[in-house]
Amino acid sequence: MTRPPWEYLFSTFNDKVFPDLFNAIWIFSLVGIVAIVVLYNVRTRQLRRHPPYLDLYEWLLWTSISLFFLLLVYAIFHFDFIFTVVTIPIGLGVLAWVRFVRFPPELARYQQQLAKARFYSKQKFAHPESTIRPKRARRRR
């Protein structure tokens, strides 16, 4: 470091000025995009019958793609470092908000709904004869 820290914020984000951060950020962004797409595909196939979970993973997918794609664009087109410094905490904050604030109440309501459905289903079919159709009395002519 030959300059004060605040002067680095308005320096070009490239591998000459930031040799230790540049490669780490763009490689992490590329790996992050691939990982989140694979995770989204796997989890949506597993949870295809549970709409609140599908919504959660869709929010996580698009937020992650936006964050990682912006970081890749900053690295490719050599934006000022301040854009990278601002984007990372905002993007990670949005990801944390989606996962820990926005969806937990909705997922809790959905879990209660599933528990009620399991209880009523269990109660309905608890008696062994509940699945046997009763014979109807034949009408005599």
N, C-alpha and C. Protein backbone atom coordinates (compact mmCIF):
# COMPACT_ATOMS: atom_id res chain seq x y z
N MET A 1 0.84 -1.17 0.00
CA MET A 1 0.00 0.00 0.00
C MET A 1 0.89 1.23 0.00
N THR A 2 0.76 1.97 -1.04
CA THR A 2 1.55 3.19 -1.15
C THR A 2 0.70 4.44 -1.03
N ARG A 3 -0.62 4.27 -1.06
CA ARG A 3 -1.54 5.41 -0.97
C ARG A 3 -2.46 5.23 0.23
N PRO A 4 -3.14 6.29 0.61
CA PRO A 4 -4.14 6.14 1.68
C PRO A 4 -5.28 5.23 1.22
N PRO A 5 -5.94 4.55 2.14
CA PRO A 5 -6.97 3.58 1.77
C PRO A 5 -8.13 4.17 0.95
N TRP A 6 -8.53 5.38 1.21
CA TRP A 6 -9.67 5.95 0.49
C TRP A 6 -9.34 6.24 -0.97
N GLU A 7 -8.07 6.36 -1.32
CA GLU A 7 -7.72 6.55 -2.72
C GLU A 7 -7.86 5.25 -3.53
N TYR A 8 -7.77 4.12 -2.86
CA TYR A 8 -7.95 2.86 -3.56
C TYR A 8 -9.40 2.65 -4.00
N LEU A 9 -10.35 3.30 -3.32
CA LEU A 9 -11.75 3.14 -3.69
C LEU A 9 -12.04 3.62 -5.10
N PHE A 10 -11.31 4.64 -5.55
CA PHE A 10 -11.55 5.19 -6.88
C PHE A 10 -10.50 4.75 -7.89
N SER A 11 -9.77 3.68 -7.56
CA SER A 11 -8.83 3.08 -8.50
C SER A 11 -9.56 2.04 -9.33
N THR A 12 -9.02 1.76 -10.50
CA THR A 12 -9.60 0.75 -11.36
C THR A 12 -9.45 -0.62 -10.72
N PHE A 13 -10.53 -1.39 -10.75
CA PHE A 13 -10.50 -2.74 -10.17
C PHE A 13 -9.92 -3.69 -11.22
N ASN A 14 -8.62 -3.95 -11.11
CA ASN A 14 -7.95 -4.87 -12.02
C ASN A 14 -6.88 -5.65 -11.27
N ASP A 15 -6.20 -6.54 -11.99
CA ASP A 15 -5.22 -7.40 -11.32
C ASP A 15 -3.89 -6.71 -11.04
N LYS A 16 -3.68 -5.52 -11.59
CA LYS A 16 -2.43 -4.80 -11.31
C LYS A 16 -2.53 -4.02 -9.99
N VAL A 17 -3.68 -3.39 -9.76
CA VAL A 17 -3.84 -2.59 -8.54
C VAL A 17 -4.25 -3.47 -7.36
N PHE A 18 -5.09 -4.48 -7.63
CA PHE A 18 -5.58 -5.37 -6.57
C PHE A 18 -5.25 -6.82 -6.94
N PRO A 19 -3.98 -7.21 -6.90
CA PRO A 19 -3.61 -8.56 -7.34
C PRO A 19 -4.17 -9.67 -6.46
N ASP A 20 -4.36 -9.42 -5.18
CA ASP A 20 -4.86 -10.47 -4.29
C ASP A 20 -6.38 -10.57 -4.31
N LEU A 21 -7.10 -9.51 -4.60
CA LEU A 21 -8.56 -9.54 -4.60
C LEU A 21 -9.17 -9.83 -5.96
N PHE A 22 -8.56 -9.35 -7.00
CA PHE A 22 -9.17 -9.41 -8.33
C PHE A 22 -9.51 -10.83 -8.75
N ASN A 23 -8.50 -11.70 -8.77
CA ASN A 23 -8.74 -13.08 -9.21
C ASN A 23 -9.67 -13.83 -8.26
N ALA A 24 -9.53 -13.58 -6.98
CA ALA A 24 -10.39 -14.26 -6.01
C ALA A 24 -11.86 -13.89 -6.23
N ILE A 25 -12.13 -12.62 -6.50
CA ILE A 25 -13.52 -12.18 -6.65
C ILE A 25 -14.13 -12.70 -7.94
N TRP A 26 -13.42 -12.61 -9.06
CA TRP A 26 -14.07 -13.05 -10.30
C TRP A 26 -14.19 -14.57 -10.35
N ILE A 27 -13.24 -15.30 -9.78
CA ILE A 27 -13.37 -16.76 -9.75
C ILE A 27 -14.50 -17.17 -8.80
N PHE A 28 -14.59 -16.53 -7.64
CA PHE A 28 -15.66 -16.81 -6.71
C PHE A 28 -17.02 -16.50 -7.34
N SER A 29 -17.11 -15.44 -8.11
CA SER A 29 -18.37 -15.07 -8.76
C SER A 29 -18.77 -16.12 -9.80
N LEU A 30 -17.82 -16.57 -10.58
CA LEU A 30 -18.11 -17.59 -11.59
C LEU A 30 -18.54 -18.90 -10.94
N VAL A 31 -17.82 -19.31 -9.91
CA VAL A 31 -18.18 -20.54 -9.19
C VAL A 31 -19.53 -20.36 -8.49
N GLY A 32 -19.79 -19.17 -7.96
CA GLY A 32 -21.06 -18.90 -7.30
C GLY A 32 -22.25 -19.00 -8.24
N ILE A 33 -22.11 -18.49 -9.45
CA ILE A 33 -23.20 -18.59 -10.42
C ILE A 33 -23.49 -20.04 -10.76
N VAL A 34 -22.45 -20.81 -11.02
CA VAL A 34 -22.64 -22.22 -11.36
C VAL A 34 -23.25 -22.97 -10.18
N ALA A 35 -22.75 -22.72 -8.98
CA ALA A 35 -23.25 -23.42 -7.78
C ALA A 35 -24.71 -23.09 -7.51
N ILE A 36 -25.10 -21.84 -7.64
CA ILE A 36 -26.48 -21.47 -7.32
C ILE A 36 -27.44 -22.03 -8.37
N VAL A 37 -27.02 -22.10 -9.63
CA VAL A 37 -27.89 -22.68 -10.66
C VAL A 37 -28.07 -24.18 -10.42
N VAL A 38 -27.00 -24.88 -10.06
CA VAL A 38 -27.11 -26.31 -9.76
C VAL A 38 -27.97 -26.52 -8.51
N LEU A 39 -27.73 -25.73 -7.47
CA LEU A 39 -28.53 -25.84 -6.25
C LEU A 39 -30.01 -25.58 -6.53
N TYR A 40 -30.29 -24.58 -7.33
CA TYR A 40 -31.69 -24.25 -7.66
C TYR A 40 -32.35 -25.42 -8.39
N ASN A 41 -31.66 -25.99 -9.36
CA ASN A 41 -32.25 -27.10 -10.12
C ASN A 41 -32.49 -28.32 -9.24
N VAL A 42 -31.55 -28.64 -8.39
CA VAL A 42 -31.70 -29.81 -7.51
C VAL A 42 -32.84 -29.60 -6.51
N ARG A 43 -32.84 -28.45 -5.85
CA ARG A 43 -33.85 -28.22 -4.81
C ARG A 43 -35.25 -28.03 -5.37
N THR A 44 -35.40 -27.43 -6.54
CA THR A 44 -36.74 -27.25 -7.09
C THR A 44 -37.31 -28.58 -7.57
N ARG A 45 -36.47 -29.49 -7.98
CA ARG A 45 -36.97 -30.83 -8.33
C ARG A 45 -37.40 -31.58 -7.08
N GLN A 46 -36.67 -31.41 -5.99
CA GLN A 46 -37.03 -32.09 -4.75
C GLN A 46 -38.28 -31.51 -4.11
N LEU A 47 -38.48 -30.21 -4.24
CA LEU A 47 -39.57 -29.52 -3.55
C LEU A 47 -40.64 -29.01 -4.50
N ARG A 48 -40.86 -29.70 -5.61
CA ARG A 48 -41.77 -29.19 -6.64
C ARG A 48 -43.22 -29.06 -6.17
N ARG A 49 -43.59 -29.76 -5.13
CA ARG A 49 -44.97 -29.69 -4.63
C ARG A 49 -45.13 -28.73 -3.46
N HIS A 50 -44.12 -27.96 -3.17
CA HIS A 50 -44.16 -27.05 -2.02
C HIS A 50 -43.87 -25.62 -2.51
N PRO A 51 -44.92 -24.87 -2.87
CA PRO A 51 -44.73 -23.54 -3.47
C PRO A 51 -43.94 -22.54 -2.63
N PRO A 52 -44.08 -22.46 -1.31
CA PRO A 52 -43.27 -21.47 -0.58
C PRO A 52 -41.77 -21.74 -0.69
N TYR A 53 -41.38 -22.99 -0.70
CA TYR A 53 -39.96 -23.31 -0.85
C TYR A 53 -39.47 -22.99 -2.26
N LEU A 54 -40.30 -23.20 -3.25
CA LEU A 54 -39.94 -22.83 -4.62
C LEU A 54 -39.74 -21.32 -4.72
N ASP A 55 -40.61 -20.55 -4.07
CA ASP A 55 -40.46 -19.09 -4.08
C ASP A 55 -39.16 -18.67 -3.41
N LEU A 56 -38.84 -19.30 -2.29
CA LEU A 56 -37.59 -18.99 -1.59
C LEU A 56 -36.39 -19.23 -2.49
N TYR A 57 -36.34 -20.40 -3.12
CA TYR A 57 -35.18 -20.70 -3.96
C TYR A 57 -35.13 -19.84 -5.21
N GLU A 58 -36.28 -19.39 -5.70
CA GLU A 58 -36.26 -18.49 -6.85
C GLU A 58 -35.71 -17.13 -6.45
N TRP A 59 -36.12 -16.63 -5.29
CA TRP A 59 -35.56 -15.38 -4.79
C TRP A 59 -34.04 -15.50 -4.60
N LEU A 60 -33.60 -16.59 -4.00
CA LEU A 60 -32.17 -16.78 -3.79
C LEU A 60 -31.42 -16.88 -5.12
N LEU A 61 -32.03 -17.54 -6.09
CA LEU A 61 -31.39 -17.68 -7.41
C LEU A 61 -31.18 -16.32 -8.05
N TRP A 62 -32.23 -15.53 -8.16
CA TRP A 62 -32.10 -14.27 -8.89
C TRP A 62 -31.27 -13.25 -8.13
N THR A 63 -31.31 -13.27 -6.83
CA THR A 63 -30.47 -12.36 -6.05
C THR A 63 -29.01 -12.74 -6.22
N SER A 64 -28.71 -14.03 -6.15
CA SER A 64 -27.32 -14.49 -6.30
C SER A 64 -26.80 -14.23 -7.70
N ILE A 65 -27.62 -14.51 -8.70
CA ILE A 65 -27.17 -14.26 -10.08
C ILE A 65 -26.90 -12.78 -10.28
N SER A 66 -27.76 -11.92 -9.75
CA SER A 66 -27.53 -10.47 -9.88
C SER A 66 -26.22 -10.06 -9.21
N LEU A 67 -26.01 -10.54 -8.00
CA LEU A 67 -24.79 -10.18 -7.27
C LEU A 67 -23.54 -10.68 -7.99
N PHE A 68 -23.51 -11.95 -8.32
CA PHE A 68 -22.31 -12.52 -8.92
C PHE A 68 -22.08 -12.00 -10.34
N PHE A 69 -23.15 -11.76 -11.08
CA PHE A 69 -22.98 -11.22 -12.43
C PHE A 69 -22.45 -9.79 -12.37
N LEU A 70 -22.94 -9.00 -11.43
CA LEU A 70 -22.40 -7.64 -11.29
C LEU A 70 -20.91 -7.67 -10.96
N LEU A 71 -20.51 -8.57 -10.07
CA LEU A 71 -19.09 -8.66 -9.73
C LEU A 71 -18.25 -9.08 -10.93
N LEU A 72 -18.79 -9.98 -11.75
CA LEU A 72 -18.08 -10.36 -12.97
C LEU A 72 -17.96 -9.18 -13.94
N VAL A 73 -19.03 -8.42 -14.08
CA VAL A 73 -19.00 -7.25 -14.97
C VAL A 73 -17.98 -6.23 -14.46
N TYR A 74 -17.96 -6.01 -13.16
CA TYR A 74 -16.97 -5.09 -12.60
C TYR A 74 -15.55 -5.55 -12.90
N ALA A 75 -15.32 -6.84 -12.83
CA ALA A 75 -13.97 -7.36 -13.08
C ALA A 75 -13.62 -7.30 -14.57
N ILE A 76 -14.57 -7.64 -15.42
CA ILE A 76 -14.29 -7.66 -16.86
C ILE A 76 -14.06 -6.25 -17.40
N PHE A 77 -14.91 -5.32 -17.01
CA PHE A 77 -14.83 -3.96 -17.57
C PHE A 77 -14.06 -2.99 -16.69
N HIS A 78 -13.40 -3.48 -15.65
CA HIS A 78 -12.51 -2.67 -14.81
C HIS A 78 -13.19 -1.41 -14.26
N PHE A 79 -14.30 -1.61 -13.58
CA PHE A 79 -14.97 -0.50 -12.90
C PHE A 79 -14.11 -0.04 -11.73
N ASP A 80 -14.47 1.08 -11.15
CA ASP A 80 -13.78 1.53 -9.94
C ASP A 80 -14.06 0.56 -8.80
N PHE A 81 -13.12 0.44 -7.90
CA PHE A 81 -13.22 -0.52 -6.81
C PHE A 81 -14.37 -0.20 -5.85
N ILE A 82 -14.81 1.05 -5.80
CA ILE A 82 -15.90 1.41 -4.89
C ILE A 82 -17.18 0.66 -5.24
N PHE A 83 -17.40 0.40 -6.53
CA PHE A 83 -18.59 -0.35 -6.93
C PHE A 83 -18.56 -1.77 -6.35
N THR A 84 -17.41 -2.38 -6.38
CA THR A 84 -17.26 -3.73 -5.83
C THR A 84 -17.45 -3.70 -4.31
N VAL A 85 -16.86 -2.71 -3.67
CA VAL A 85 -16.95 -2.61 -2.21
C VAL A 85 -18.39 -2.38 -1.76
N VAL A 86 -19.16 -1.64 -2.53
CA VAL A 86 -20.55 -1.36 -2.17
C VAL A 86 -21.46 -2.53 -2.53
N THR A 87 -21.21 -3.18 -3.66
CA THR A 87 -22.09 -4.25 -4.15
C THR A 87 -22.03 -5.49 -3.27
N ILE A 88 -20.87 -5.88 -2.80
CA ILE A 88 -20.75 -7.12 -2.02
C ILE A 88 -21.57 -7.09 -0.74
N PRO A 89 -21.45 -6.07 0.13
CA PRO A 89 -22.28 -6.10 1.34
C PRO A 89 -23.78 -5.94 1.06
N ILE A 90 -24.13 -5.15 0.05
CA ILE A 90 -25.55 -5.00 -0.27
C ILE A 90 -26.12 -6.31 -0.78
N GLY A 91 -25.40 -6.98 -1.68
CA GLY A 91 -25.87 -8.26 -2.21
C GLY A 91 -25.96 -9.34 -1.15
N LEU A 92 -24.96 -9.44 -0.30
CA LEU A 92 -25.00 -10.42 0.79
C LEU A 92 -26.08 -10.08 1.81
N GLY A 93 -26.31 -8.78 2.02
CA GLY A 93 -27.38 -8.37 2.92
C GLY A 93 -28.75 -8.74 2.38
N VAL A 94 -28.95 -8.57 1.08
CA VAL A 94 -30.23 -8.96 0.48
C VAL A 94 -30.41 -10.47 0.56
N LEU A 95 -29.35 -11.24 0.30
CA LEU A 95 -29.44 -12.70 0.42
C LEU A 95 -29.80 -13.11 1.85
N ALA A 96 -29.19 -12.48 2.83
CA ALA A 96 -29.50 -12.80 4.23
C ALA A 96 -30.92 -12.38 4.57
N TRP A 97 -31.38 -11.24 4.06
CA TRP A 97 -32.74 -10.78 4.32
C TRP A 97 -33.76 -11.75 3.73
N VAL A 98 -33.51 -12.20 2.50
CA VAL A 98 -34.43 -13.15 1.86
C VAL A 98 -34.51 -14.43 2.67
N ARG A 99 -33.38 -14.95 3.07
CA ARG A 99 -33.35 -16.25 3.74
C ARG A 99 -33.82 -16.20 5.19
N PHE A 100 -33.49 -15.13 5.92
CA PHE A 100 -33.74 -15.12 7.35
C PHE A 100 -34.85 -14.17 7.81
N VAL A 101 -35.34 -13.29 6.94
CA VAL A 101 -36.38 -12.35 7.35
C VAL A 101 -37.64 -12.50 6.50
N ARG A 102 -37.50 -12.51 5.20
CA ARG A 102 -38.66 -12.50 4.30
C ARG A 102 -39.43 -13.81 4.33
N PHE A 103 -38.75 -14.94 4.25
CA PHE A 103 -39.44 -16.22 4.07
C PHE A 103 -39.71 -17.04 5.33
N PRO A 104 -39.01 -16.92 6.44
CA PRO A 104 -39.33 -17.76 7.60
C PRO A 104 -40.78 -17.69 8.08
N PRO A 105 -41.43 -16.52 8.14
CA PRO A 105 -42.84 -16.56 8.56
C PRO A 105 -43.73 -17.33 7.58
N GLU A 106 -43.47 -17.16 6.30
CA GLU A 106 -44.24 -17.86 5.29
C GLU A 106 -44.00 -19.37 5.36
N LEU A 107 -42.76 -19.77 5.58
CA LEU A 107 -42.44 -21.20 5.69
C LEU A 107 -43.04 -21.79 6.96
N ALA A 108 -43.07 -21.02 8.04
CA ALA A 108 -43.68 -21.51 9.28
C ALA A 108 -45.18 -21.73 9.10
N ARG A 109 -45.86 -20.79 8.42
CA ARG A 109 -47.29 -20.97 8.14
C ARG A 109 -47.53 -22.20 7.27
N TYR A 110 -46.66 -22.40 6.30
CA TYR A 110 -46.81 -23.56 5.42
C TYR A 110 -46.58 -24.86 6.19
N GLN A 111 -45.62 -24.88 7.11
CA GLN A 111 -45.38 -26.07 7.93
C GLN A 111 -46.60 -26.37 8.81
N GLN A 112 -47.23 -25.34 9.35
CA GLN A 112 -48.45 -25.55 10.14
C GLN A 112 -49.57 -26.11 9.27
N GLN A 113 -49.68 -25.60 8.06
CA GLN A 113 -50.69 -26.09 7.14
C GLN A 113 -50.46 -27.57 6.82
N LEU A 114 -49.22 -27.94 6.59
CA LEU A 114 -48.89 -29.35 6.32
C LEU A 114 -49.17 -30.22 7.54
N ALA A 115 -48.86 -29.72 8.73
CA ALA A 115 -49.10 -30.49 9.95
C ALA A 115 -50.59 -30.72 10.15
N LYS A 116 -51.41 -29.71 9.90
CA LYS A 116 -52.86 -29.88 10.01
C LYS A 116 -53.36 -30.90 9.01
N ALA A 117 -52.87 -30.81 7.78
CA ALA A 117 -53.31 -31.76 6.75
C ALA A 117 -52.92 -33.19 7.13
N ARG A 118 -51.71 -33.38 7.68
CA ARG A 118 -51.29 -34.72 8.11
C ARG A 118 -52.16 -35.21 9.27
N PHE A 119 -52.48 -34.31 10.19
CA PHE A 119 -53.29 -34.71 11.34
C PHE A 119 -54.68 -35.14 10.89
N TYR A 120 -55.33 -34.35 10.06
CA TYR A 120 -56.67 -34.70 9.62
C TYR A 120 -56.68 -35.95 8.76
N SER A 121 -55.64 -36.13 7.96
CA SER A 121 -55.54 -37.34 7.14
C SER A 121 -55.35 -38.56 8.02
N LYS A 122 -54.51 -38.42 9.05
CA LYS A 122 -54.26 -39.52 9.97
C LYS A 122 -55.53 -39.85 10.76
N GLN A 123 -56.25 -38.81 11.15
CA GLN A 123 -57.48 -39.01 11.91
C GLN A 123 -58.56 -39.66 11.04
N LYS A 124 -58.61 -39.27 9.79
CA LYS A 124 -59.63 -39.79 8.89
C LYS A 124 -59.42 -41.28 8.62
N PHE A 125 -58.18 -41.67 8.45
CA PHE A 125 -57.88 -43.06 8.11
C PHE A 125 -57.39 -43.88 9.30
N ALA A 126 -57.59 -43.40 10.51
CA ALA A 126 -57.14 -44.12 11.69
C ALA A 126 -57.99 -45.35 11.95
N HIS A 127 -59.25 -45.26 11.72
CA HIS A 127 -60.15 -46.40 11.92
C HIS A 127 -59.99 -47.35 10.74
N PRO A 128 -59.81 -48.65 10.96
CA PRO A 128 -59.53 -49.58 9.86
C PRO A 128 -60.67 -49.67 8.85
N GLU A 129 -61.89 -49.45 9.28
CA GLU A 129 -63.00 -49.60 8.36
C GLU A 129 -63.32 -48.31 7.62
N SER A 130 -62.56 -47.29 7.83
CA SER A 130 -62.85 -46.02 7.16
C SER A 130 -62.54 -46.08 5.67
N THR A 131 -61.70 -47.00 5.26
CA THR A 131 -61.39 -47.11 3.84
C THR A 131 -62.27 -48.11 3.12
N ILE A 132 -63.11 -48.83 3.85
CA ILE A 132 -63.99 -49.82 3.25
C ILE A 132 -65.35 -49.18 2.99
N ARG A 133 -65.81 -49.32 1.77
CA ARG A 133 -67.11 -48.76 1.45
C ARG A 133 -68.21 -49.61 2.08
N PRO A 134 -69.15 -48.95 2.69
CA PRO A 134 -70.25 -49.73 3.27
C PRO A 134 -71.15 -50.27 2.16
N LYS A 135 -71.68 -51.46 2.41
CA LYS A 135 -72.59 -52.05 1.43
C LYS A 135 -73.94 -51.35 1.57
N ARG A 136 -74.49 -51.07 0.46
CA ARG A 136 -75.80 -50.42 0.47
C ARG A 136 -76.88 -51.51 0.50
N ALA A 137 -77.91 -51.20 1.16
CA ALA A 137 -79.03 -52.15 1.23
C ALA A 137 -79.69 -52.24 -0.14
N ARG A 138 -79.98 -53.46 -0.54
CA ARG A 138 -80.61 -53.64 -1.85
C ARG A 138 -82.09 -53.31 -1.74
N ARG A 139 -82.54 -52.65 -2.72
CA ARG A 139 -83.96 -52.34 -2.75
C ARG A 139 -84.72 -53.52 -3.31
N ARG A 140 -85.81 -53.82 -2.72
CA ARG A 140 -86.64 -54.90 -3.23
C ARG A 140 -87.70 -54.32 -4.15
N ARG A 141 -87.99 -55.06 -5.15
CA ARG A 141 -89.02 -54.59 -6.08
C ARG A 141 -90.36 -55.08 -5.70
